[in-house]
Amino acid sequence: MPRDTRKHPEYLILGEILRPHGVRGELRMRIVTDYPERLHELKKLYLGKSTSDKNLETVRLKSVRFHKDYALLTLNGISDRNQADTLRGKMVMIGIEDAVPLEDGEYYLFELIGLRVVADGEEIGEITEVLQTGANDVYIVDGSRYGELLIPAHDETIINLDFDTETVTMTLPEGLLPSE
């Protein structure tokens, strides 16, 4: 199945609201997007538990500024610490139509879900989730032979990523697969 026909979510996560910042309703957000500078261009955001949340709240972004590795958001209608505190733990999202267009060779992490993983010539399962650890991403791969595996994803393990064949070809570190 070609890449552009793969199922994609309606929303992409930009960050997570950690806590209020100050007493005027500003929110401290952990940034998970690779394009935080784009927050300045956005007017409308969605808040919810996840991208599949059926009760997303649409909010207007009044302003954003950056402090250390966090974004500090001011939303219309949130003017004090108590109101801000009710949003703690919510995911901050945009609609997929507002996503940054990607360059050749770039992809969104959600596009990896469902791809088959062939490691050292053996099909070991499919990617069910991608964890972002900071150092490198980790693919959670589930297969019938080895069960659930956590595989580090970086230049030394990924040989080829082919969306046309829906396959990630990898080489695994010694001892990663359970011995039989």
N, C-alpha and C. Protein backbone atom coordinates (compact mmCIF):
# COMPACT_ATOMS: atom_id res chain seq x y z
N MET A 1 0.85 -1.17 0.00
CA MET A 1 0.00 0.00 0.00
C MET A 1 0.90 1.24 0.00
N PRO A 2 0.76 2.13 -0.96
CA PRO A 2 1.59 3.32 -0.98
C PRO A 2 1.39 4.17 0.26
N ARG A 3 2.41 4.90 0.62
CA ARG A 3 2.45 5.68 1.85
C ARG A 3 1.27 6.64 1.98
N ASP A 4 0.88 7.33 0.93
CA ASP A 4 -0.16 8.35 1.06
C ASP A 4 -1.55 7.79 1.27
N THR A 5 -1.74 6.47 1.16
CA THR A 5 -3.05 5.89 1.41
C THR A 5 -3.12 5.19 2.76
N ARG A 6 -2.00 5.19 3.51
CA ARG A 6 -2.01 4.58 4.84
C ARG A 6 -2.92 5.37 5.76
N LYS A 7 -3.55 4.67 6.67
CA LYS A 7 -4.45 5.32 7.63
C LYS A 7 -3.63 6.26 8.53
N HIS A 8 -4.17 7.43 8.76
CA HIS A 8 -3.49 8.37 9.65
C HIS A 8 -4.49 8.95 10.64
N PRO A 9 -3.96 9.42 11.78
CA PRO A 9 -4.86 9.99 12.78
C PRO A 9 -5.39 11.35 12.33
N GLU A 10 -6.46 11.79 12.96
CA GLU A 10 -7.01 13.11 12.65
C GLU A 10 -6.22 14.22 13.34
N TYR A 11 -5.50 13.87 14.42
CA TYR A 11 -4.78 14.87 15.21
C TYR A 11 -3.35 14.40 15.47
N LEU A 12 -2.46 15.38 15.64
CA LEU A 12 -1.07 15.11 16.00
C LEU A 12 -0.77 15.81 17.32
N ILE A 13 -0.04 15.14 18.19
CA ILE A 13 0.29 15.70 19.50
C ILE A 13 1.50 16.62 19.39
N LEU A 14 1.36 17.82 19.95
CA LEU A 14 2.46 18.79 20.02
C LEU A 14 3.15 18.74 21.37
N GLY A 15 2.37 18.43 22.41
CA GLY A 15 2.94 18.41 23.75
C GLY A 15 1.93 17.99 24.79
N GLU A 16 2.38 18.06 26.03
CA GLU A 16 1.53 17.69 27.17
C GLU A 16 1.57 18.82 28.19
N ILE A 17 0.40 19.21 28.67
CA ILE A 17 0.33 20.25 29.70
C ILE A 17 0.79 19.63 31.02
N LEU A 18 1.84 20.21 31.58
CA LEU A 18 2.40 19.69 32.82
C LEU A 18 1.78 20.33 34.06
N ARG A 19 1.65 21.66 34.01
CA ARG A 19 1.12 22.37 35.19
C ARG A 19 0.92 23.84 34.83
N PRO A 20 0.24 24.56 35.72
CA PRO A 20 0.16 26.01 35.52
C PRO A 20 1.54 26.63 35.68
N HIS A 21 1.74 27.78 35.06
CA HIS A 21 2.98 28.53 35.22
C HIS A 21 2.58 29.93 35.67
N GLY A 22 2.80 30.23 36.92
CA GLY A 22 2.39 31.52 37.47
C GLY A 22 0.93 31.51 37.88
N VAL A 23 0.37 32.72 38.08
CA VAL A 23 -0.99 32.83 38.61
C VAL A 23 -1.99 33.37 37.60
N ARG A 24 -1.55 33.67 36.37
CA ARG A 24 -2.44 34.29 35.38
C ARG A 24 -2.95 33.33 34.32
N GLY A 25 -2.88 32.03 34.58
CA GLY A 25 -3.46 31.06 33.66
C GLY A 25 -2.53 30.53 32.60
N GLU A 26 -1.27 30.91 32.65
CA GLU A 26 -0.31 30.39 31.68
C GLU A 26 -0.05 28.91 31.97
N LEU A 27 0.21 28.12 30.92
CA LEU A 27 0.39 26.68 31.05
C LEU A 27 1.79 26.26 30.62
N ARG A 28 2.40 25.41 31.40
CA ARG A 28 3.71 24.86 31.05
C ARG A 28 3.48 23.58 30.27
N MET A 29 4.01 23.52 29.03
CA MET A 29 3.81 22.37 28.16
C MET A 29 5.14 21.69 27.83
N ARG A 30 5.17 20.37 28.03
CA ARG A 30 6.31 19.57 27.58
C ARG A 30 6.19 19.45 26.07
N ILE A 31 7.23 19.79 25.34
CA ILE A 31 7.20 19.79 23.87
C ILE A 31 7.57 18.41 23.35
N VAL A 32 6.74 17.86 22.45
CA VAL A 32 7.08 16.59 21.80
C VAL A 32 7.16 16.73 20.28
N THR A 33 6.86 17.90 19.75
CA THR A 33 6.95 18.12 18.32
C THR A 33 8.38 18.48 17.92
N ASP A 34 8.75 18.15 16.71
CA ASP A 34 10.05 18.55 16.18
C ASP A 34 10.02 19.98 15.65
N TYR A 35 8.84 20.59 15.64
CA TYR A 35 8.68 21.93 15.09
C TYR A 35 8.02 22.88 16.10
N PRO A 36 8.62 23.08 17.28
CA PRO A 36 7.97 23.93 18.30
C PRO A 36 7.83 25.39 17.85
N GLU A 37 8.73 25.86 17.01
CA GLU A 37 8.65 27.25 16.55
C GLU A 37 7.35 27.53 15.79
N ARG A 38 6.73 26.48 15.28
CA ARG A 38 5.49 26.62 14.53
C ARG A 38 4.31 26.99 15.43
N LEU A 39 4.45 26.82 16.73
CA LEU A 39 3.38 27.19 17.66
C LEU A 39 2.97 28.66 17.50
N HIS A 40 3.92 29.51 17.14
CA HIS A 40 3.62 30.94 16.97
C HIS A 40 2.60 31.17 15.86
N GLU A 41 2.51 30.28 14.87
CA GLU A 41 1.61 30.44 13.73
C GLU A 41 0.21 29.91 14.00
N LEU A 42 0.05 29.11 15.04
CA LEU A 42 -1.21 28.43 15.28
C LEU A 42 -2.20 29.32 16.04
N LYS A 43 -3.45 29.19 15.70
CA LYS A 43 -4.52 29.91 16.40
C LYS A 43 -5.41 28.94 17.19
N LYS A 44 -5.64 27.75 16.62
CA LYS A 44 -6.57 26.78 17.20
C LYS A 44 -5.80 25.52 17.60
N LEU A 45 -6.07 25.04 18.81
CA LEU A 45 -5.49 23.80 19.32
C LEU A 45 -6.61 22.93 19.85
N TYR A 46 -6.29 21.66 20.06
CA TYR A 46 -7.24 20.71 20.65
C TYR A 46 -6.60 20.14 21.91
N LEU A 47 -7.41 19.97 22.94
CA LEU A 47 -6.95 19.39 24.20
C LEU A 47 -7.73 18.11 24.47
N GLY A 48 -7.02 17.07 24.91
CA GLY A 48 -7.67 15.82 25.24
C GLY A 48 -6.69 14.85 25.84
N LYS A 49 -7.18 13.64 26.13
CA LYS A 49 -6.34 12.60 26.72
C LYS A 49 -5.41 11.96 25.70
N SER A 50 -5.88 11.86 24.44
CA SER A 50 -5.09 11.23 23.38
C SER A 50 -5.66 11.66 22.03
N THR A 51 -5.02 11.23 20.95
CA THR A 51 -5.51 11.57 19.61
C THR A 51 -6.82 10.88 19.29
N SER A 52 -7.17 9.85 20.04
CA SER A 52 -8.43 9.14 19.79
C SER A 52 -9.54 9.57 20.75
N ASP A 53 -9.26 10.55 21.60
CA ASP A 53 -10.26 11.06 22.55
C ASP A 53 -11.47 11.59 21.78
N LYS A 54 -12.65 11.14 22.11
CA LYS A 54 -13.88 11.56 21.44
C LYS A 54 -14.41 12.90 21.97
N ASN A 55 -13.85 13.38 23.08
CA ASN A 55 -14.33 14.62 23.69
C ASN A 55 -13.25 15.69 23.70
N LEU A 56 -12.62 15.92 22.56
CA LEU A 56 -11.58 16.95 22.48
C LEU A 56 -12.19 18.33 22.68
N GLU A 57 -11.43 19.17 23.35
CA GLU A 57 -11.85 20.55 23.58
C GLU A 57 -11.08 21.44 22.61
N THR A 58 -11.78 22.26 21.85
CA THR A 58 -11.13 23.19 20.94
C THR A 58 -10.84 24.48 21.71
N VAL A 59 -9.58 24.94 21.63
CA VAL A 59 -9.19 26.15 22.34
C VAL A 59 -8.46 27.09 21.40
N ARG A 60 -8.49 28.36 21.70
CA ARG A 60 -7.78 29.39 20.92
C ARG A 60 -6.47 29.72 21.63
N LEU A 61 -5.38 29.69 20.88
CA LEU A 61 -4.07 30.02 21.42
C LEU A 61 -3.89 31.53 21.36
N LYS A 62 -3.73 32.13 22.52
CA LYS A 62 -3.58 33.59 22.61
C LYS A 62 -2.11 33.97 22.41
N SER A 63 -1.21 33.24 23.09
CA SER A 63 0.22 33.52 22.94
C SER A 63 1.03 32.30 23.36
N VAL A 64 2.27 32.29 22.91
CA VAL A 64 3.20 31.24 23.30
C VAL A 64 4.59 31.87 23.44
N ARG A 65 5.32 31.39 24.42
CA ARG A 65 6.71 31.77 24.58
C ARG A 65 7.45 30.54 25.07
N PHE A 66 8.75 30.57 24.95
CA PHE A 66 9.54 29.39 25.31
C PHE A 66 10.42 29.70 26.50
N HIS A 67 10.52 28.74 27.40
CA HIS A 67 11.34 28.87 28.60
C HIS A 67 12.04 27.54 28.83
N LYS A 68 13.37 27.57 28.71
CA LYS A 68 14.18 26.35 28.80
C LYS A 68 13.68 25.39 27.71
N ASP A 69 13.32 24.17 28.05
CA ASP A 69 12.85 23.20 27.05
C ASP A 69 11.33 23.08 27.03
N TYR A 70 10.63 24.08 27.51
CA TYR A 70 9.17 24.03 27.61
C TYR A 70 8.55 25.18 26.84
N ALA A 71 7.29 24.99 26.46
CA ALA A 71 6.49 26.07 25.88
C ALA A 71 5.55 26.56 26.97
N LEU A 72 5.37 27.86 27.03
CA LEU A 72 4.43 28.46 27.97
C LEU A 72 3.29 29.03 27.14
N LEU A 73 2.11 28.43 27.30
CA LEU A 73 0.94 28.77 26.50
C LEU A 73 -0.04 29.63 27.28
N THR A 74 -0.63 30.58 26.59
CA THR A 74 -1.76 31.32 27.13
C THR A 74 -2.94 31.05 26.21
N LEU A 75 -4.03 30.54 26.78
CA LEU A 75 -5.22 30.19 26.01
C LEU A 75 -6.34 31.17 26.33
N ASN A 76 -7.16 31.48 25.33
CA ASN A 76 -8.33 32.31 25.57
C ASN A 76 -9.23 31.62 26.59
N GLY A 77 -9.74 32.39 27.55
CA GLY A 77 -10.66 31.84 28.54
C GLY A 77 -10.00 31.25 29.77
N ILE A 78 -8.68 31.13 29.77
CA ILE A 78 -7.95 30.60 30.93
C ILE A 78 -7.17 31.78 31.51
N SER A 79 -7.65 32.31 32.64
CA SER A 79 -7.06 33.54 33.15
C SER A 79 -6.51 33.44 34.57
N ASP A 80 -6.63 32.27 35.19
CA ASP A 80 -6.04 32.14 36.53
C ASP A 80 -5.48 30.73 36.74
N ARG A 81 -4.75 30.59 37.81
CA ARG A 81 -4.06 29.33 38.11
C ARG A 81 -5.05 28.16 38.28
N ASN A 82 -6.18 28.40 38.91
CA ASN A 82 -7.16 27.33 39.14
C ASN A 82 -7.71 26.79 37.82
N GLN A 83 -8.05 27.68 36.90
CA GLN A 83 -8.53 27.24 35.58
C GLN A 83 -7.44 26.46 34.86
N ALA A 84 -6.22 26.96 34.92
CA ALA A 84 -5.09 26.31 34.26
C ALA A 84 -4.84 24.92 34.84
N ASP A 85 -5.00 24.79 36.14
CA ASP A 85 -4.74 23.51 36.80
C ASP A 85 -5.70 22.41 36.34
N THR A 86 -6.89 22.76 35.87
CA THR A 86 -7.85 21.75 35.40
C THR A 86 -7.39 21.10 34.10
N LEU A 87 -6.40 21.70 33.44
CA LEU A 87 -5.91 21.17 32.16
C LEU A 87 -4.65 20.31 32.32
N ARG A 88 -4.19 20.17 33.53
CA ARG A 88 -2.99 19.38 33.81
C ARG A 88 -3.12 17.97 33.22
N GLY A 89 -2.08 17.52 32.52
CA GLY A 89 -2.06 16.17 31.95
C GLY A 89 -2.71 16.03 30.59
N LYS A 90 -3.35 17.08 30.10
CA LYS A 90 -3.99 17.00 28.78
C LYS A 90 -2.95 17.10 27.67
N MET A 91 -3.23 16.43 26.58
CA MET A 91 -2.38 16.52 25.39
C MET A 91 -2.81 17.73 24.57
N VAL A 92 -1.84 18.42 24.03
CA VAL A 92 -2.09 19.58 23.16
C VAL A 92 -1.87 19.09 21.73
N MET A 93 -2.91 19.27 20.89
CA MET A 93 -2.87 18.70 19.54
C MET A 93 -3.26 19.72 18.48
N ILE A 94 -2.91 19.37 17.24
CA ILE A 94 -3.38 20.10 16.07
C ILE A 94 -4.08 19.10 15.16
N GLY A 95 -4.91 19.61 14.27
CA GLY A 95 -5.51 18.77 13.25
C GLY A 95 -4.45 18.37 12.24
N ILE A 96 -4.58 17.17 11.68
CA ILE A 96 -3.60 16.66 10.72
C ILE A 96 -3.44 17.62 9.54
N GLU A 97 -4.50 18.35 9.20
CA GLU A 97 -4.44 19.29 8.09
C GLU A 97 -3.50 20.46 8.38
N ASP A 98 -3.17 20.69 9.66
CA ASP A 98 -2.25 21.77 10.04
C ASP A 98 -0.82 21.27 10.25
N ALA A 99 -0.57 20.00 9.94
CA ALA A 99 0.76 19.42 10.14
C ALA A 99 1.76 20.06 9.17
N VAL A 100 3.00 20.12 9.60
CA VAL A 100 4.08 20.65 8.78
C VAL A 100 4.33 19.68 7.62
N PRO A 101 4.36 20.19 6.39
CA PRO A 101 4.71 19.30 5.27
C PRO A 101 6.13 18.78 5.46
N LEU A 102 6.32 17.50 5.18
CA LEU A 102 7.62 16.88 5.41
C LEU A 102 8.48 16.90 4.15
N GLU A 103 9.78 16.92 4.36
CA GLU A 103 10.75 16.81 3.26
C GLU A 103 10.88 15.35 2.86
N ASP A 104 11.48 15.10 1.71
CA ASP A 104 11.76 13.72 1.28
C ASP A 104 12.60 13.04 2.35
N GLY A 105 12.26 11.81 2.67
CA GLY A 105 13.00 11.03 3.66
C GLY A 105 12.52 11.25 5.09
N GLU A 106 11.63 12.22 5.31
CA GLU A 106 11.08 12.43 6.65
C GLU A 106 9.73 11.74 6.74
N TYR A 107 9.32 11.40 7.96
CA TYR A 107 8.04 10.74 8.18
C TYR A 107 7.57 11.05 9.59
N TYR A 108 6.28 10.90 9.79
CA TYR A 108 5.72 11.02 11.13
C TYR A 108 5.79 9.66 11.80
N LEU A 109 5.95 9.65 13.12
CA LEU A 109 6.06 8.39 13.85
C LEU A 109 4.82 7.51 13.67
N PHE A 110 3.63 8.12 13.56
CA PHE A 110 2.43 7.30 13.40
C PHE A 110 2.47 6.48 12.12
N GLU A 111 3.26 6.90 11.14
CA GLU A 111 3.35 6.16 9.88
C GLU A 111 4.10 4.84 10.03
N LEU A 112 4.84 4.67 11.12
CA LEU A 112 5.58 3.43 11.36
C LEU A 112 4.69 2.33 11.94
N ILE A 113 3.59 2.71 12.58
CA ILE A 113 2.72 1.72 13.21
C ILE A 113 2.16 0.78 12.15
N GLY A 114 2.32 -0.52 12.38
CA GLY A 114 1.82 -1.52 11.45
C GLY A 114 2.86 -2.01 10.44
N LEU A 115 4.02 -1.35 10.36
CA LEU A 115 5.05 -1.82 9.43
C LEU A 115 5.67 -3.11 9.95
N ARG A 116 5.98 -4.01 9.01
CA ARG A 116 6.65 -5.26 9.34
C ARG A 116 8.12 -4.98 9.61
N VAL A 117 8.70 -5.71 10.56
CA VAL A 117 10.12 -5.58 10.86
C VAL A 117 10.82 -6.88 10.48
N VAL A 118 11.81 -6.74 9.60
CA VAL A 118 12.66 -7.86 9.21
C VAL A 118 14.03 -7.55 9.79
N ALA A 119 14.48 -8.43 10.69
CA ALA A 119 15.76 -8.21 11.36
C ALA A 119 16.70 -9.35 11.03
N ASP A 120 17.84 -9.01 10.48
CA ASP A 120 18.86 -9.99 10.13
C ASP A 120 18.28 -11.13 9.31
N GLY A 121 17.39 -10.78 8.36
CA GLY A 121 16.81 -11.74 7.44
C GLY A 121 15.57 -12.46 7.93
N GLU A 122 15.15 -12.23 9.16
CA GLU A 122 13.99 -12.92 9.73
C GLU A 122 12.89 -11.92 10.06
N GLU A 123 11.66 -12.22 9.65
CA GLU A 123 10.54 -11.35 10.02
C GLU A 123 10.21 -11.62 11.49
N ILE A 124 10.27 -10.55 12.30
CA ILE A 124 10.08 -10.74 13.74
C ILE A 124 8.78 -10.15 14.27
N GLY A 125 8.04 -9.41 13.45
CA GLY A 125 6.76 -8.87 13.90
C GLY A 125 6.47 -7.54 13.26
N GLU A 126 5.52 -6.81 13.87
CA GLU A 126 5.17 -5.50 13.35
C GLU A 126 5.24 -4.45 14.46
N ILE A 127 5.50 -3.22 14.06
CA ILE A 127 5.62 -2.12 15.01
C ILE A 127 4.23 -1.78 15.53
N THR A 128 4.08 -1.81 16.85
CA THR A 128 2.80 -1.48 17.47
C THR A 128 2.82 -0.11 18.14
N GLU A 129 4.04 0.37 18.45
CA GLU A 129 4.16 1.66 19.12
C GLU A 129 5.60 2.15 18.96
N VAL A 130 5.79 3.47 19.04
CA VAL A 130 7.12 4.05 19.00
C VAL A 130 7.28 4.90 20.25
N LEU A 131 8.31 4.60 21.04
CA LEU A 131 8.61 5.37 22.25
C LEU A 131 9.72 6.36 21.93
N GLN A 132 9.55 7.58 22.38
CA GLN A 132 10.61 8.57 22.23
C GLN A 132 11.31 8.70 23.56
N THR A 133 12.57 8.26 23.61
CA THR A 133 13.30 8.22 24.87
C THR A 133 14.22 9.41 25.07
N GLY A 134 14.46 10.17 24.04
CA GLY A 134 15.40 11.28 24.12
C GLY A 134 16.69 10.92 23.40
N ALA A 135 17.30 9.79 23.77
CA ALA A 135 18.53 9.36 23.11
C ALA A 135 18.22 8.86 21.71
N ASN A 136 17.23 8.00 21.60
CA ASN A 136 16.79 7.47 20.31
C ASN A 136 15.38 6.93 20.49
N ASP A 137 14.69 6.73 19.38
CA ASP A 137 13.37 6.12 19.46
C ASP A 137 13.53 4.63 19.74
N VAL A 138 12.47 4.05 20.29
CA VAL A 138 12.43 2.61 20.53
C VAL A 138 11.16 2.08 19.89
N TYR A 139 11.32 1.08 19.00
CA TYR A 139 10.16 0.46 18.37
C TYR A 139 9.69 -0.68 19.26
N ILE A 140 8.40 -0.70 19.55
CA ILE A 140 7.81 -1.86 20.21
C ILE A 140 7.28 -2.73 19.09
N VAL A 141 7.85 -3.92 18.98
CA VAL A 141 7.53 -4.84 17.89
C VAL A 141 6.90 -6.08 18.49
N ASP A 142 5.75 -6.47 17.94
CA ASP A 142 5.04 -7.64 18.45
C ASP A 142 4.99 -8.69 17.35
N GLY A 143 5.39 -9.91 17.70
CA GLY A 143 5.37 -11.01 16.74
C GLY A 143 5.06 -12.32 17.43
N SER A 144 4.71 -13.32 16.65
CA SER A 144 4.31 -14.60 17.23
C SER A 144 5.48 -15.38 17.81
N ARG A 145 6.66 -15.27 17.23
CA ARG A 145 7.79 -16.07 17.69
C ARG A 145 8.44 -15.53 18.97
N TYR A 146 8.66 -14.23 19.06
CA TYR A 146 9.38 -13.65 20.20
C TYR A 146 8.49 -12.83 21.13
N GLY A 147 7.23 -12.65 20.77
CA GLY A 147 6.35 -11.81 21.58
C GLY A 147 6.68 -10.34 21.38
N GLU A 148 6.59 -9.56 22.45
CA GLU A 148 6.84 -8.13 22.36
C GLU A 148 8.32 -7.83 22.61
N LEU A 149 8.91 -7.09 21.68
CA LEU A 149 10.32 -6.71 21.78
C LEU A 149 10.44 -5.20 21.76
N LEU A 150 11.43 -4.68 22.47
CA LEU A 150 11.77 -3.26 22.41
C LEU A 150 13.08 -3.15 21.66
N ILE A 151 13.02 -2.49 20.51
CA ILE A 151 14.19 -2.41 19.63
C ILE A 151 14.63 -0.96 19.48
N PRO A 152 15.89 -0.67 19.81
CA PRO A 152 16.38 0.70 19.62
C PRO A 152 16.41 1.03 18.13
N ALA A 153 15.95 2.23 17.78
CA ALA A 153 15.91 2.65 16.38
C ALA A 153 16.90 3.80 16.18
N HIS A 154 17.98 3.50 15.49
CA HIS A 154 18.97 4.53 15.17
C HIS A 154 19.75 4.10 13.94
N ASP A 155 20.72 4.88 13.54
CA ASP A 155 21.45 4.62 12.29
C ASP A 155 22.13 3.26 12.25
N GLU A 156 22.50 2.72 13.41
CA GLU A 156 23.20 1.44 13.44
C GLU A 156 22.25 0.25 13.35
N THR A 157 20.95 0.43 13.67
CA THR A 157 20.03 -0.69 13.63
C THR A 157 19.10 -0.66 12.41
N ILE A 158 18.78 0.54 11.91
CA ILE A 158 17.87 0.64 10.76
C ILE A 158 18.68 0.60 9.47
N ILE A 159 18.42 -0.42 8.66
CA ILE A 159 19.09 -0.54 7.37
C ILE A 159 18.26 0.15 6.29
N ASN A 160 16.95 -0.12 6.29
CA ASN A 160 16.08 0.45 5.25
C ASN A 160 14.66 0.58 5.79
N LEU A 161 14.02 1.66 5.39
CA LEU A 161 12.63 1.91 5.74
C LEU A 161 11.89 2.10 4.44
N ASP A 162 10.98 1.16 4.11
CA ASP A 162 10.30 1.17 2.82
C ASP A 162 8.79 1.20 3.03
N PHE A 163 8.19 2.38 2.80
CA PHE A 163 6.75 2.52 2.99
C PHE A 163 5.97 1.80 1.89
N ASP A 164 6.56 1.63 0.70
CA ASP A 164 5.87 0.95 -0.39
C ASP A 164 5.62 -0.52 -0.05
N THR A 165 6.61 -1.17 0.56
CA THR A 165 6.45 -2.58 0.94
C THR A 165 6.04 -2.73 2.41
N GLU A 166 5.92 -1.59 3.11
CA GLU A 166 5.55 -1.56 4.52
C GLU A 166 6.50 -2.40 5.37
N THR A 167 7.80 -2.23 5.11
CA THR A 167 8.82 -3.03 5.78
C THR A 167 9.96 -2.16 6.30
N VAL A 168 10.37 -2.46 7.53
CA VAL A 168 11.58 -1.86 8.10
C VAL A 168 12.60 -2.99 8.20
N THR A 169 13.73 -2.83 7.52
CA THR A 169 14.81 -3.81 7.58
C THR A 169 15.83 -3.32 8.60
N MET A 170 16.14 -4.21 9.55
CA MET A 170 17.02 -3.82 10.64
C MET A 170 18.10 -4.86 10.89
N THR A 171 19.13 -4.46 11.60
CA THR A 171 20.10 -5.39 12.16
C THR A 171 20.06 -5.15 13.68
N LEU A 172 20.00 -6.22 14.43
CA LEU A 172 19.80 -6.09 15.88
C LEU A 172 21.09 -6.26 16.65
N PRO A 173 21.20 -5.56 17.77
CA PRO A 173 22.36 -5.75 18.65
C PRO A 173 22.40 -7.20 19.16
N GLU A 174 23.58 -7.70 19.37
CA GLU A 174 23.78 -9.04 19.89
C GLU A 174 23.04 -9.20 21.21
N GLY A 175 22.29 -10.30 21.34
CA GLY A 175 21.60 -10.63 22.58
C GLY A 175 20.23 -9.98 22.74
N LEU A 176 19.76 -9.22 21.75
CA LEU A 176 18.46 -8.58 21.87
C LEU A 176 17.32 -9.58 21.75
N LEU A 177 17.46 -10.55 20.85
CA LEU A 177 16.43 -11.58 20.71
C LEU A 177 16.60 -12.63 21.80
N PRO A 178 15.50 -13.08 22.39
CA PRO A 178 15.60 -14.13 23.40
C PRO A 178 16.13 -15.42 22.77
N SER A 179 16.96 -16.13 23.52
CA SER A 179 17.48 -17.39 23.02
C SER A 179 16.40 -18.45 23.20
N GLU A 180 16.40 -19.39 22.26
CA GLU A 180 15.34 -20.41 22.31
C GLU A 180 15.76 -21.63 23.06
